[in-house]
């Protein structure tokens, strides 16, 4: 199978899995987990569906614009994904934490979303602001590490490792994939890490 077709199949299976996971969560009355899975599914779909189209045939300007807009949308929904994961953690474990941790999770997430909304990001364009990329992803890393801390606090090694893998694969892609396209392959294990998180709560 050609790499392009493999990626299309991989992305399609991933989106279908996240969609079905949300349905399964909902069928068991787990509304929060269902919302969590669907935020991941529909948020990533905004970017992955036009990307899949571009891999199957020569991308039009409209498809490119949708793919760039999808990058922005998926960056925002990815942030919401971790906010929801905090509430899933809170619902799952009866462990007290300081209000400061909760405040930091929310404030870093809000800052990240606000930065993502700035037009200067120029999503997908060659002259996109590296400063804003570093800023929005640096803030996002703090959000992620705070959630890692929560799962480490309850000795959930599985979730700690899954989240760290997702960030360890995601950050190099956002920072260096334009100059080194092969780094983009890290999105595959990053996606697998998200699947692993869904599987844990399933």
Protein backbone atom coordinates (compact mmCIF):
# COMPACT_ATOMS: atom_id res chain seq x y z
CA UNK A 1 0.00 0.00 0.00
CA UNK A 2 1.31 3.45 -0.93
CA UNK A 3 2.11 5.80 2.01
CA UNK A 4 -0.65 8.21 0.94
CA UNK A 5 -3.30 5.50 0.87
CA UNK A 6 -2.05 4.09 4.16
CA UNK A 7 -2.44 7.50 5.82
CA UNK A 8 -5.95 7.90 4.40
CA UNK A 9 -6.97 4.48 5.76
CA UNK A 10 -5.24 5.17 9.09
CA UNK A 11 -6.96 8.54 9.53
CA UNK A 12 -10.32 7.12 8.48
CA UNK A 13 -10.10 4.24 10.95
CA UNK A 14 -9.01 6.64 13.71
CA UNK A 15 -11.94 9.01 13.16
CA UNK A 16 -14.42 6.13 12.99
CA UNK A 17 -13.00 4.65 16.19
CA UNK A 18 -13.31 7.96 18.08
CA UNK A 19 -16.88 8.36 16.79
CA UNK A 20 -17.86 4.83 17.86
CA UNK A 21 -16.12 5.28 21.22
CA UNK A 22 -18.32 8.30 21.87
CA UNK A 23 -21.42 6.28 21.01
CA UNK A 24 -20.33 3.47 23.35
CA UNK A 25 -19.68 5.94 26.16
CA UNK A 26 -23.11 7.49 25.62
CA UNK A 27 -24.81 4.07 25.61
CA UNK A 28 -23.37 3.47 29.09
CA UNK A 29 -24.51 6.86 30.37
CA UNK A 30 -20.99 8.32 30.38
CA UNK A 31 -21.92 11.74 28.96
CA UNK A 32 -18.62 13.39 29.84
CA UNK A 33 -16.55 10.67 28.19
CA UNK A 34 -18.83 10.76 25.13
CA UNK A 35 -18.28 14.52 24.77
CA UNK A 36 -14.54 13.96 25.25
CA UNK A 37 -14.39 11.37 22.45
CA UNK A 38 -16.51 13.44 20.06
CA UNK A 39 -14.49 16.61 20.65
CA UNK A 40 -11.46 14.61 19.57
CA UNK A 41 -13.26 13.05 16.59
CA UNK A 42 -15.01 16.09 15.13
CA UNK A 43 -12.17 18.49 15.99
CA UNK A 44 -9.58 16.38 14.16
CA UNK A 45 -12.02 15.73 11.30
CA UNK A 46 -11.91 19.43 10.35
CA UNK A 47 -8.24 18.97 9.46
CA UNK A 48 -8.01 15.28 8.57
CA UNK A 49 -10.92 15.06 6.11
CA UNK A 50 -9.53 17.75 3.75
CA UNK A 51 -6.05 16.27 4.24
CA UNK A 52 -7.38 12.87 3.18
CA UNK A 53 -8.91 14.54 0.11
CA UNK A 54 -5.56 16.16 -0.73
CA UNK A 55 -3.79 12.81 -0.48
CA UNK A 56 -6.22 11.06 -2.84
CA UNK A 57 -6.13 13.70 -5.58
CA UNK A 58 -4.48 17.00 -6.43
CA UNK A 59 -5.69 19.46 -3.76
CA UNK A 60 -7.65 22.48 -4.89
CA UNK A 61 -7.24 25.89 -3.30
CA UNK A 62 -10.53 25.35 -1.44
CA UNK A 63 -9.28 22.08 0.06
CA UNK A 64 -6.03 23.78 1.13
CA UNK A 65 -7.99 26.58 2.81
CA UNK A 66 -10.20 24.04 4.60
CA UNK A 67 -7.12 22.13 5.72
CA UNK A 68 -5.51 25.29 7.13
CA UNK A 69 -8.73 26.29 8.89
CA UNK A 70 -8.95 22.75 10.19
CA UNK A 71 -5.51 23.11 11.78
CA UNK A 72 -6.82 26.06 13.78
CA UNK A 73 -10.04 24.29 14.78
CA UNK A 74 -8.27 21.07 15.79
CA UNK A 75 -5.77 23.07 17.86
CA UNK A 76 -8.66 24.62 19.80
CA UNK A 77 -10.57 21.35 20.22
CA UNK A 78 -7.38 19.60 21.33
CA UNK A 79 -7.21 22.11 24.17
CA UNK A 80 -10.86 21.43 25.08
CA UNK A 81 -9.99 17.71 24.99
CA UNK A 82 -7.59 18.17 27.91
CA UNK A 83 -10.02 20.32 29.89
CA UNK A 84 -12.58 17.51 29.57
CA UNK A 85 -9.91 14.98 30.53
CA UNK A 86 -9.37 16.90 33.76
CA UNK A 87 -13.08 16.61 34.57
CA UNK A 88 -13.04 12.90 33.71
CA UNK A 89 -10.13 12.53 36.14
CA UNK A 90 -12.10 14.47 38.76
CA UNK A 91 -15.17 12.27 38.23
CA UNK A 92 -13.13 9.06 38.34
CA UNK A 93 -10.93 9.70 41.37
CA UNK A 94 -11.88 11.05 44.77
CA UNK A 95 -8.65 12.95 45.28
CA UNK A 96 -8.44 16.52 46.49
CA UNK A 97 -6.19 18.98 44.67
CA UNK A 98 -5.49 22.64 45.19
CA UNK A 99 -7.63 25.23 43.46
CA UNK A 100 -4.40 26.58 42.02
CA UNK A 101 -3.99 23.51 39.79
CA UNK A 102 -7.54 23.87 38.47
CA UNK A 103 -6.99 27.58 37.88
CA UNK A 104 -3.75 26.91 35.96
CA UNK A 105 -5.40 24.27 33.77
CA UNK A 106 -8.19 26.68 32.86
CA UNK A 107 -6.06 29.81 32.43
CA UNK A 108 -3.45 28.08 30.24
CA UNK A 109 -6.22 26.52 28.15
CA UNK A 110 -7.98 29.87 27.69
CA UNK A 111 -4.71 31.62 26.79
CA UNK A 112 -3.94 28.89 24.25
CA UNK A 113 -7.39 29.21 22.64
CA UNK A 114 -7.12 33.00 22.47
CA UNK A 115 -3.70 32.76 20.81
CA UNK A 116 -5.10 30.23 18.32
CA UNK A 117 -7.78 32.76 17.33
CA UNK A 118 -5.23 35.43 16.34
CA UNK A 119 -5.06 36.00 12.55
CA UNK A 120 -1.26 36.38 12.79
CA UNK A 121 -0.98 32.61 13.18
CA UNK A 122 -1.48 32.28 9.40
CA UNK A 123 -2.27 28.58 9.74
CA UNK A 124 -0.60 26.39 7.10
CA UNK A 125 1.13 29.30 5.35
CA UNK A 126 4.88 29.48 4.81
CA UNK A 127 5.19 32.80 6.63
CA UNK A 128 3.27 31.66 9.73
CA UNK A 129 4.53 33.23 12.94
CA UNK A 130 7.07 30.95 14.66
CA UNK A 131 6.79 33.12 17.78
CA UNK A 132 3.05 32.45 18.08
CA UNK A 133 3.62 28.76 17.37
CA UNK A 134 6.13 28.56 20.22
CA UNK A 135 3.85 30.58 22.49
CA UNK A 136 0.62 28.64 21.90
CA UNK A 137 2.37 25.27 22.10
CA UNK A 138 4.39 26.26 25.16
CA UNK A 139 1.19 27.20 26.98
CA UNK A 140 -0.45 23.99 25.75
CA UNK A 141 2.46 21.95 27.11
CA UNK A 142 1.82 23.44 30.56
CA UNK A 143 -1.84 22.39 30.34
CA UNK A 144 -0.80 18.88 29.37
CA UNK A 145 1.81 18.57 32.10
CA UNK A 146 -0.73 19.66 34.71
CA UNK A 147 -3.04 16.85 33.58
CA UNK A 148 -0.07 14.46 33.65
CA UNK A 149 0.54 15.54 37.24
CA UNK A 150 -3.06 14.67 38.15
CA UNK A 151 -2.80 11.15 36.75
CA UNK A 152 0.63 10.71 38.33
CA UNK A 153 -0.93 11.71 41.64
CA UNK A 154 -3.25 8.68 41.44
CA UNK A 155 -0.43 6.45 40.11
CA UNK A 156 -2.10 5.94 36.72
CA UNK A 157 1.07 5.16 34.75
CA UNK A 158 -0.90 4.17 31.64
CA UNK A 159 -2.45 7.63 31.20
CA UNK A 160 0.77 9.42 32.18
CA UNK A 161 2.71 7.58 29.48
CA UNK A 162 -0.05 8.04 26.88
CA UNK A 163 -0.23 11.80 27.42
CA UNK A 164 3.56 12.19 27.41
CA UNK A 165 3.82 10.22 24.15
CA UNK A 166 1.13 12.39 22.56
CA UNK A 167 2.99 15.58 23.47
CA UNK A 168 6.40 14.10 22.67
CA UNK A 169 5.21 13.36 19.14
CA UNK A 170 3.03 16.44 18.64
CA UNK A 171 5.46 19.21 19.56
CA UNK A 172 8.28 18.28 17.11
CA UNK A 173 5.74 18.12 14.28
CA UNK A 174 4.35 21.59 14.98
CA UNK A 175 7.82 23.11 15.35
CA UNK A 176 9.93 21.44 12.66
CA UNK A 177 7.79 19.52 10.16
CA UNK A 178 7.81 22.36 7.61
CA UNK A 179 11.60 22.19 7.28
CA UNK A 180 11.78 18.43 7.81
CA UNK A 181 8.58 16.83 6.41
CA UNK A 182 9.50 13.33 7.59
CA UNK A 183 8.99 14.51 11.18
CA UNK A 184 5.30 14.61 10.28
CA UNK A 185 5.31 10.80 10.61
CA UNK A 186 5.27 11.35 14.39
CA UNK A 187 1.58 12.16 14.06
CA UNK A 188 0.94 8.42 13.69
CA UNK A 189 2.16 7.44 17.19
CA UNK A 190 0.59 10.64 18.54
CA UNK A 191 -2.77 9.51 17.15
CA UNK A 192 -2.22 6.03 18.59
CA UNK A 193 -1.67 7.67 22.00
CA UNK A 194 -5.11 9.31 21.75
CA UNK A 195 -6.64 5.97 20.81
CA UNK A 196 -4.93 4.43 23.85
CA UNK A 197 -6.52 7.07 26.11
CA UNK A 198 -9.98 6.33 24.74
CA UNK A 199 -9.42 2.61 25.13
CA UNK A 200 -8.45 3.03 28.78
CA UNK A 201 -11.75 4.64 29.70
CA UNK A 202 -13.73 2.30 27.47
